[in-house]
N, C-alpha and C. Protein backbone atom coordinates (compact mmCIF):
# COMPACT_ATOMS: atom_id res chain seq x y z
N MET A 1 165.25 3.72 86.03
CA MET A 1 163.98 3.38 86.64
C MET A 1 162.85 3.66 85.66
N HIS A 2 161.80 2.96 85.83
CA HIS A 2 160.63 3.19 85.00
C HIS A 2 159.84 4.37 85.54
N MET A 3 159.16 5.04 84.63
CA MET A 3 158.42 6.25 85.01
C MET A 3 157.32 5.98 86.02
N VAL A 4 156.66 4.86 85.90
CA VAL A 4 155.51 4.59 86.77
C VAL A 4 155.93 4.19 88.18
N ASN A 5 157.22 4.01 88.43
CA ASN A 5 157.70 3.69 89.78
C ASN A 5 157.69 4.90 90.71
N PHE A 6 157.59 6.09 90.17
CA PHE A 6 157.61 7.30 90.97
C PHE A 6 156.24 7.58 91.56
N ASP A 7 156.22 8.13 92.76
CA ASP A 7 154.95 8.54 93.38
C ASP A 7 154.40 9.76 92.64
N GLY A 8 153.12 9.82 92.53
CA GLY A 8 152.51 10.97 91.89
C GLY A 8 152.62 10.95 90.38
N PHE A 9 152.67 9.77 89.79
CA PHE A 9 152.78 9.65 88.34
C PHE A 9 151.54 10.24 87.67
N LYS A 10 151.75 11.09 86.70
CA LYS A 10 150.65 11.74 85.99
C LYS A 10 150.73 11.41 84.50
N LEU A 11 149.62 11.52 83.81
CA LEU A 11 149.56 11.21 82.40
C LEU A 11 150.46 12.15 81.58
N TRP A 12 150.56 13.41 81.97
CA TRP A 12 151.38 14.36 81.21
C TRP A 12 152.85 13.97 81.24
N MET A 13 153.28 13.28 82.31
CA MET A 13 154.67 12.80 82.36
C MET A 13 154.91 11.74 81.30
N PHE A 14 153.94 10.88 81.09
CA PHE A 14 154.04 9.85 80.07
C PHE A 14 154.06 10.46 78.67
N ILE A 15 153.31 11.52 78.47
CA ILE A 15 153.26 12.18 77.16
C ILE A 15 154.56 12.92 76.88
N LEU A 16 155.18 13.52 77.88
CA LEU A 16 156.42 14.27 77.69
C LEU A 16 157.67 13.38 77.67
N ALA A 17 157.56 12.14 78.07
CA ALA A 17 158.72 11.25 78.14
C ALA A 17 159.47 11.13 76.81
N PRO A 18 158.80 10.95 75.67
CA PRO A 18 159.56 10.86 74.42
C PRO A 18 160.35 12.13 74.09
N ILE A 19 159.82 13.28 74.47
CA ILE A 19 160.53 14.53 74.22
C ILE A 19 161.81 14.59 75.03
N ILE A 20 161.79 14.02 76.22
CA ILE A 20 162.97 14.01 77.08
C ILE A 20 163.99 12.98 76.59
N VAL A 21 163.53 11.87 76.05
CA VAL A 21 164.41 10.76 75.67
C VAL A 21 165.00 10.91 74.28
N ILE A 22 164.32 11.59 73.36
CA ILE A 22 164.78 11.68 71.97
C ILE A 22 166.19 12.27 71.85
N PRO A 23 166.55 13.36 72.53
CA PRO A 23 167.92 13.85 72.41
C PRO A 23 168.98 12.84 72.87
N GLN A 24 168.68 12.08 73.92
CA GLN A 24 169.61 11.06 74.39
C GLN A 24 169.76 9.94 73.36
N LEU A 25 168.66 9.57 72.73
CA LEU A 25 168.69 8.54 71.70
C LEU A 25 169.51 8.98 70.50
N ILE A 26 169.30 10.21 70.06
CA ILE A 26 170.05 10.74 68.91
C ILE A 26 171.54 10.81 69.24
N MET A 27 171.89 11.28 70.44
CA MET A 27 173.29 11.35 70.83
C MET A 27 173.91 9.97 70.90
N GLY A 28 173.18 9.01 71.44
CA GLY A 28 173.68 7.63 71.50
C GLY A 28 173.93 7.06 70.12
N LEU A 29 173.02 7.29 69.19
CA LEU A 29 173.20 6.80 67.83
C LEU A 29 174.39 7.48 67.15
N LEU A 30 174.52 8.78 67.33
CA LEU A 30 175.62 9.52 66.73
C LEU A 30 176.97 9.07 67.28
N LEU A 31 177.08 8.95 68.59
CA LEU A 31 178.34 8.53 69.19
C LEU A 31 178.66 7.08 68.85
N SER A 32 177.65 6.24 68.76
CA SER A 32 177.88 4.84 68.37
C SER A 32 178.37 4.75 66.93
N TYR A 33 177.76 5.51 66.05
CA TYR A 33 178.19 5.53 64.65
C TYR A 33 179.64 6.02 64.55
N LEU A 34 179.94 7.09 65.24
CA LEU A 34 181.29 7.64 65.22
C LEU A 34 182.30 6.64 65.79
N ARG A 35 181.94 5.97 66.85
CA ARG A 35 182.83 4.98 67.47
C ARG A 35 183.09 3.81 66.53
N MET A 36 182.06 3.31 65.87
CA MET A 36 182.23 2.15 65.00
C MET A 36 183.01 2.49 63.73
N ASN A 37 182.87 3.71 63.24
CA ASN A 37 183.52 4.08 61.98
C ASN A 37 184.87 4.76 62.15
N ASN A 38 185.08 5.46 63.27
CA ASN A 38 186.32 6.24 63.42
C ASN A 38 187.15 5.84 64.63
N GLY A 39 186.55 5.18 65.59
CA GLY A 39 187.30 4.75 66.76
C GLY A 39 186.76 5.36 68.04
N PHE A 40 187.15 4.72 69.13
CA PHE A 40 186.65 5.09 70.45
C PHE A 40 187.03 6.51 70.85
N ILE A 41 188.26 6.89 70.57
CA ILE A 41 188.75 8.20 71.03
C ILE A 41 187.98 9.35 70.38
N TYR A 42 187.54 9.18 69.14
CA TYR A 42 186.78 10.23 68.47
C TYR A 42 185.40 10.41 69.12
N ALA A 43 184.78 9.29 69.48
CA ALA A 43 183.48 9.37 70.15
C ALA A 43 183.62 10.03 71.53
N VAL A 44 184.68 9.69 72.24
CA VAL A 44 184.91 10.29 73.55
C VAL A 44 185.18 11.79 73.41
N CYS A 45 185.99 12.16 72.43
CA CYS A 45 186.30 13.58 72.22
C CYS A 45 185.04 14.37 71.86
N LEU A 46 184.18 13.81 71.02
CA LEU A 46 182.93 14.51 70.68
C LEU A 46 182.05 14.64 71.92
N HIS A 47 181.99 13.61 72.73
CA HIS A 47 181.19 13.66 73.95
C HIS A 47 181.72 14.74 74.90
N ILE A 48 183.03 14.82 75.04
CA ILE A 48 183.64 15.86 75.88
C ILE A 48 183.33 17.24 75.32
N PHE A 49 183.43 17.41 74.00
CA PHE A 49 183.17 18.69 73.36
C PHE A 49 181.73 19.13 73.58
N ILE A 50 180.79 18.21 73.42
CA ILE A 50 179.38 18.55 73.60
C ILE A 50 179.10 18.92 75.05
N ASN A 51 179.69 18.19 75.99
CA ASN A 51 179.52 18.53 77.40
C ASN A 51 180.15 19.88 77.72
N LEU A 52 181.28 20.17 77.08
CA LEU A 52 181.96 21.44 77.32
C LEU A 52 181.11 22.61 76.84
N ILE A 53 180.43 22.44 75.72
CA ILE A 53 179.55 23.49 75.20
C ILE A 53 178.46 23.82 76.22
N SER A 54 177.88 22.77 76.83
CA SER A 54 176.81 23.03 77.80
C SER A 54 177.34 23.64 79.10
N LEU A 55 178.61 23.43 79.41
CA LEU A 55 179.20 23.99 80.62
C LEU A 55 179.87 25.34 80.39
N LEU A 56 180.01 25.76 79.16
CA LEU A 56 180.69 27.00 78.84
C LEU A 56 180.10 28.22 79.56
N PRO A 57 178.77 28.37 79.62
CA PRO A 57 178.25 29.54 80.36
C PRO A 57 178.65 29.55 81.83
N ILE A 58 178.78 28.41 82.43
CA ILE A 58 179.19 28.34 83.84
C ILE A 58 180.62 28.82 83.98
N PHE A 59 181.48 28.42 83.05
CA PHE A 59 182.89 28.83 83.10
C PHE A 59 183.09 30.31 82.82
N LEU A 60 182.20 30.89 82.04
CA LEU A 60 182.34 32.30 81.66
C LEU A 60 181.78 33.26 82.70
N ILE A 61 181.01 32.76 83.61
CA ILE A 61 180.41 33.63 84.64
C ILE A 61 181.40 33.88 85.76
């Protein structure tokens, strides 16, 4: 959805949007590069590994 579709849209949301999107863009470019050069399974494994890192604190508690 577009940002302006939400009720209560504020200017600061528009300013912070690139900060929120940049990590997703970088990850997409990295996984796409890996997929095109090494194969689908490598990109999937890296995606699983990165998600596992973010979930590790939940598993350790």
